[in-house]
């Protein structure tokens, strides 16, 4: 699995999103899922008239 390095500001933002003892993997996966869902929504809403 690739490793990433985050600056202190990013870690603080992730900490503010944590619920109870949720780990960073769960938060990042949730954010990726939201991003992908919004990307699909934007793609499908496209240029239909």
PDB file of N, CA and C in Angstrom:
ATOM      1  N   UNK A   1       0.846  -1.171   0.000  1.00  0.00           N
ATOM      2  CA  UNK A   1       0.000   0.000   0.000  1.00  0.00           C
ATOM      3  C   UNK A   1       0.895   1.238   0.000  1.00  0.00           C
ATOM      4  N   UNK A   2       0.567   2.221  -0.827  1.00  0.00           N
ATOM      5  CA  UNK A   2       1.395   3.433  -0.852  1.00  0.00           C
ATOM      6  C   UNK A   2       1.253   4.224   0.445  1.00  0.00           C
ATOM      7  N   UNK A   3       2.314   4.900   0.783  1.00  0.00           N
ATOM      8  CA  UNK A   3       2.286   5.762   1.958  1.00  0.00           C
ATOM      9  C   UNK A   3       2.251   7.212   1.494  1.00  0.00           C
ATOM     10  N   UNK A   4       1.508   8.009   2.235  1.00  0.00           N
ATOM     11  CA  UNK A   4       1.457   9.437   1.942  1.00  0.00           C
ATOM     12  C   UNK A   4       1.854  10.204   3.193  1.00  0.00           C
ATOM     13  N   UNK A   5       2.358  11.374   2.975  1.00  0.00           N
ATOM     14  CA  UNK A   5       2.749  12.236   4.088  1.00  0.00           C
ATOM     15  C   UNK A   5       1.854  13.469   4.054  1.00  0.00           C
ATOM     16  N   UNK A   6       1.271  13.784   5.206  1.00  0.00           N
ATOM     17  CA  UNK A   6       0.346  14.908   5.309  1.00  0.00           C
ATOM     18  C   UNK A   6       0.949  15.992   6.188  1.00  0.00           C
ATOM     19  N   UNK A   7       0.680  17.244   5.836  1.00  0.00           N
ATOM     20  CA  UNK A   7       1.158  18.327   6.693  1.00  0.00           C
ATOM     21  C   UNK A   7       0.233  18.458   7.901  1.00  0.00           C
ATOM     22  N   UNK A   8       0.661  19.232   8.860  1.00  0.00           N
ATOM     23  CA  UNK A   8      -0.072  19.358  10.122  1.00  0.00           C
ATOM     24  C   UNK A   8      -1.479  19.930   9.931  1.00  0.00           C
ATOM     25  N   UNK A   9      -1.631  20.863   8.991  1.00  0.00           N
ATOM     26  CA  UNK A   9      -2.956  21.441   8.739  1.00  0.00           C
ATOM     27  C   UNK A   9      -3.930  20.398   8.207  1.00  0.00           C
ATOM     28  N   UNK A  10      -3.450  19.535   7.323  1.00  0.00           N
ATOM     29  CA  UNK A  10      -4.309  18.493   6.773  1.00  0.00           C
ATOM     30  C   UNK A  10      -4.705  17.503   7.857  1.00  0.00           C
ATOM     31  N   UNK A  11      -3.773  17.132   8.706  1.00  0.00           N
ATOM     32  CA  UNK A  11      -4.077  16.224   9.804  1.00  0.00           C
ATOM     33  C   UNK A  11      -5.101  16.850  10.743  1.00  0.00           C
ATOM     34  N   UNK A  12      -4.960  18.124  11.012  1.00  0.00           N
ATOM     35  CA  UNK A  12      -5.932  18.811  11.872  1.00  0.00           C
ATOM     36  C   UNK A  12      -7.318  18.791  11.246  1.00  0.00           C
ATOM     37  N   UNK A  13      -7.394  18.992   9.924  1.00  0.00           N
ATOM     38  CA  UNK A  13      -8.700  18.952   9.243  1.00  0.00           C
ATOM     39  C   UNK A  13      -9.292  17.552   9.301  1.00  0.00           C
ATOM     40  N   UNK A  14      -8.467  16.529   9.095  1.00  0.00           N
ATOM     41  CA  UNK A  14      -8.953  15.154   9.197  1.00  0.00           C
ATOM     42  C   UNK A  14      -9.419  14.844  10.615  1.00  0.00           C
ATOM     43  N   UNK A  15      -8.674  15.315  11.607  1.00  0.00           N
ATOM     44  CA  UNK A  15      -9.072  15.106  13.004  1.00  0.00           C
ATOM     45  C   UNK A  15     -10.432  15.726  13.297  1.00  0.00           C
ATOM     46  N   UNK A  16     -10.714  16.865  12.671  1.00  0.00           N
ATOM     47  CA  UNK A  16     -12.002  17.514  12.921  1.00  0.00           C
ATOM     48  C   UNK A  16     -13.158  16.725  12.303  1.00  0.00           C
ATOM     49  N   UNK A  17     -12.860  15.871  11.323  1.00  0.00           N
ATOM     50  CA  UNK A  17     -13.887  15.052  10.685  1.00  0.00           C
ATOM     51  C   UNK A  17     -14.096  13.712  11.379  1.00  0.00           C
ATOM     52  N   UNK A  18     -13.194  13.336  12.244  1.00  0.00           N
ATOM     53  CA  UNK A  18     -13.255  12.022  12.893  1.00  0.00           C
ATOM     54  C   UNK A  18     -14.444  11.918  13.830  1.00  0.00           C
ATOM     55  N   UNK A  19     -15.038  10.759  13.808  1.00  0.00           N
ATOM     56  CA  UNK A  19     -16.104  10.445  14.750  1.00  0.00           C
ATOM     57  C   UNK A  19     -15.600   9.361  15.678  1.00  0.00           C
ATOM     58  N   UNK A  20     -15.688   9.602  16.967  1.00  0.00           N
ATOM     59  CA  UNK A  20     -15.228   8.665  17.995  1.00  0.00           C
ATOM     60  C   UNK A  20     -13.807   8.212  17.701  1.00  0.00           C
ATOM     61  N   UNK A  21     -13.571   6.933  17.536  1.00  0.00           N
ATOM     62  CA  UNK A  21     -12.225   6.418  17.297  1.00  0.00           C
ATOM     63  C   UNK A  21     -12.016   6.012  15.841  1.00  0.00           C
ATOM     64  N   UNK A  22     -12.689   6.680  14.930  1.00  0.00           N
ATOM     65  CA  UNK A  22     -12.560   6.393  13.509  1.00  0.00           C
ATOM     66  C   UNK A  22     -11.107   6.631  13.076  1.00  0.00           C
ATOM     67  N   UNK A  23     -10.559   5.701  12.286  1.00  0.00           N
ATOM     68  CA  UNK A  23      -9.175   5.892  11.864  1.00  0.00           C
ATOM     69  C   UNK A  23      -9.109   6.635  10.536  1.00  0.00           C
ATOM     70  N   UNK A  24      -7.907   7.050  10.191  1.00  0.00           N
ATOM     71  CA  UNK A  24      -7.721   7.867   8.989  1.00  0.00           C
ATOM     72  C   UNK A  24      -8.121   7.121   7.720  1.00  0.00           C
ATOM     73  N   UNK A  25      -7.883   5.812   7.678  1.00  0.00           N
ATOM     74  CA  UNK A  25      -8.274   5.031   6.496  1.00  0.00           C
ATOM     75  C   UNK A  25      -9.767   5.145   6.235  1.00  0.00           C
ATOM     76  N   UNK A  26     -10.568   5.062   7.279  1.00  0.00           N
ATOM     77  CA  UNK A  26     -12.020   5.165   7.128  1.00  0.00           C
ATOM     78  C   UNK A  26     -12.428   6.548   6.623  1.00  0.00           C
ATOM     79  N   UNK A  27     -11.805   7.583   7.163  1.00  0.00           N
ATOM     80  CA  UNK A  27     -12.135   8.947   6.748  1.00  0.00           C
ATOM     81  C   UNK A  27     -11.760   9.158   5.280  1.00  0.00           C
ATOM     82  N   UNK A  28     -10.560   8.736   4.912  1.00  0.00           N
ATOM     83  CA  UNK A  28     -10.101   8.929   3.535  1.00  0.00           C
ATOM     84  C   UNK A  28     -10.979   8.145   2.568  1.00  0.00           C
ATOM     85  N   UNK A  29     -11.335   6.909   2.914  1.00  0.00           N
ATOM     86  CA  UNK A  29     -12.223   6.121   2.054  1.00  0.00           C
ATOM     87  C   UNK A  29     -13.578   6.792   1.888  1.00  0.00           C
ATOM     88  N   UNK A  30     -14.104   7.345   2.962  1.00  0.00           N
ATOM     89  CA  UNK A  30     -15.384   8.044   2.883  1.00  0.00           C
ATOM     90  C   UNK A  30     -15.284   9.278   1.982  1.00  0.00           C
ATOM     91  N   UNK A  31     -14.198  10.033   2.121  1.00  0.00           N
ATOM     92  CA  UNK A  31     -14.004  11.208   1.279  1.00  0.00           C
ATOM     93  C   UNK A  31     -13.866  10.825  -0.197  1.00  0.00           C
ATOM     94  N   UNK A  32     -13.159   9.733  -0.471  1.00  0.00           N
ATOM     95  CA  UNK A  32     -13.022   9.260  -1.852  1.00  0.00           C
ATOM     96  C   UNK A  32     -14.378   8.847  -2.403  1.00  0.00           C
ATOM     97  N   UNK A  33     -15.176   8.152  -1.609  1.00  0.00           N
ATOM     98  CA  UNK A  33     -16.511   7.740  -2.050  1.00  0.00           C
ATOM     99  C   UNK A  33     -17.387   8.953  -2.361  1.00  0.00           C
ATOM    100  N   UNK A  34     -17.323   9.979  -1.534  1.00  0.00           N
ATOM    101  CA  UNK A  34     -18.093  11.201  -1.773  1.00  0.00           C
ATOM    102  C   UNK A  34     -17.626  11.857  -3.069  1.00  0.00           C
ATOM    103  N   UNK A  35     -16.319  11.946  -3.249  1.00  0.00           N
ATOM    104  CA  UNK A  35     -15.762  12.539  -4.468  1.00  0.00           C
ATOM    105  C   UNK A  35     -16.238  11.781  -5.702  1.00  0.00           C
ATOM    106  N   UNK A  36     -16.152  10.450  -5.659  1.00  0.00           N
ATOM    107  CA  UNK A  36     -16.564   9.645  -6.806  1.00  0.00           C
ATOM    108  C   UNK A  36     -18.059   9.791  -7.076  1.00  0.00           C
ATOM    109  N   UNK A  37     -18.872   9.838  -6.026  1.00  0.00           N
ATOM    110  CA  UNK A  37     -20.317   9.986  -6.202  1.00  0.00           C
ATOM    111  C   UNK A  37     -20.648  11.332  -6.825  1.00  0.00           C
ATOM    112  N   UNK A  38     -19.986  12.382  -6.386  1.00  0.00           N
ATOM    113  CA  UNK A  38     -20.247  13.704  -6.950  1.00  0.00           C
ATOM    114  C   UNK A  38     -19.752  13.794  -8.386  1.00  0.00           C
ATOM    115  N   UNK A  39     -18.641  13.139  -8.672  1.00  0.00           N
ATOM    116  CA  UNK A  39     -18.126  13.128 -10.038  1.00  0.00           C
ATOM    117  C   UNK A  39     -19.115  12.429 -10.964  1.00  0.00           C
ATOM    118  N   UNK A  40     -19.689  11.319 -10.531  1.00  0.00           N
ATOM    119  CA  UNK A  40     -20.687  10.619 -11.335  1.00  0.00           C
ATOM    120  C   UNK A  40     -21.927  11.475 -11.525  1.00  0.00           C
ATOM    121  N   UNK A  41     -22.337  12.161 -10.470  1.00  0.00           N
ATOM    122  CA  UNK A  41     -23.509  13.025 -10.559  1.00  0.00           C
ATOM    123  C   UNK A  41     -23.274  14.133 -11.575  1.00  0.00           C
ATOM    124  N   UNK A  42     -22.109  14.758 -11.526  1.00  0.00           N
ATOM    125  CA  UNK A  42     -21.785  15.824 -12.476  1.00  0.00           C
ATOM    126  C   UNK A  42     -21.699  15.270 -13.892  1.00  0.00           C
ATOM    127  N   UNK A  43     -21.146  14.087 -14.038  1.00  0.00           N
ATOM    128  CA  UNK A  43     -20.997  13.477 -15.353  1.00  0.00           C
ATOM    129  C   UNK A  43     -22.362  13.156 -15.957  1.00  0.00           C
ATOM    130  N   UNK A  44     -23.259  12.601 -15.135  1.00  0.00           N
ATOM    131  CA  UNK A  44     -24.570  12.208 -15.648  1.00  0.00           C
ATOM    132  C   UNK A  44     -25.533  13.373 -15.810  1.00  0.00           C
ATOM    133  N   UNK A  45     -25.341  14.462 -15.094  1.00  0.00           N
ATOM    134  CA  UNK A  45     -26.257  15.586 -15.224  1.00  0.00           C
ATOM    135  C   UNK A  45     -25.954  16.393 -16.485  1.00  0.00           C
ATOM    136  N   UNK A  46     -24.733  16.329 -16.929  1.00  0.00           N
ATOM    137  CA  UNK A  46     -24.203  16.888 -18.156  1.00  0.00           C
ATOM    138  C   UNK A  46     -25.052  17.830 -18.983  1.00  0.00           C
ATOM    139  N   UNK A  47     -25.125  17.554 -20.281  1.00  0.00           N
ATOM    140  CA  UNK A  47     -25.686  18.490 -21.258  1.00  0.00           C
ATOM    141  C   UNK A  47     -27.080  18.103 -21.741  1.00  0.00           C
ATOM    142  N   UNK A  48     -27.772  17.290 -20.971  1.00  0.00           N
ATOM    143  CA  UNK A  48     -29.115  16.907 -21.430  1.00  0.00           C
ATOM    144  C   UNK A  48     -30.043  18.098 -21.419  1.00  0.00           C
ATOM    145  N   UNK A  49     -30.877  18.191 -22.457  1.00  0.00           N
ATOM    146  CA  UNK A  49     -31.816  19.308 -22.566  1.00  0.00           C
ATOM    147  C   UNK A  49     -33.221  18.785 -22.626  1.00  0.00           C
TER     148      UNK A  49
END
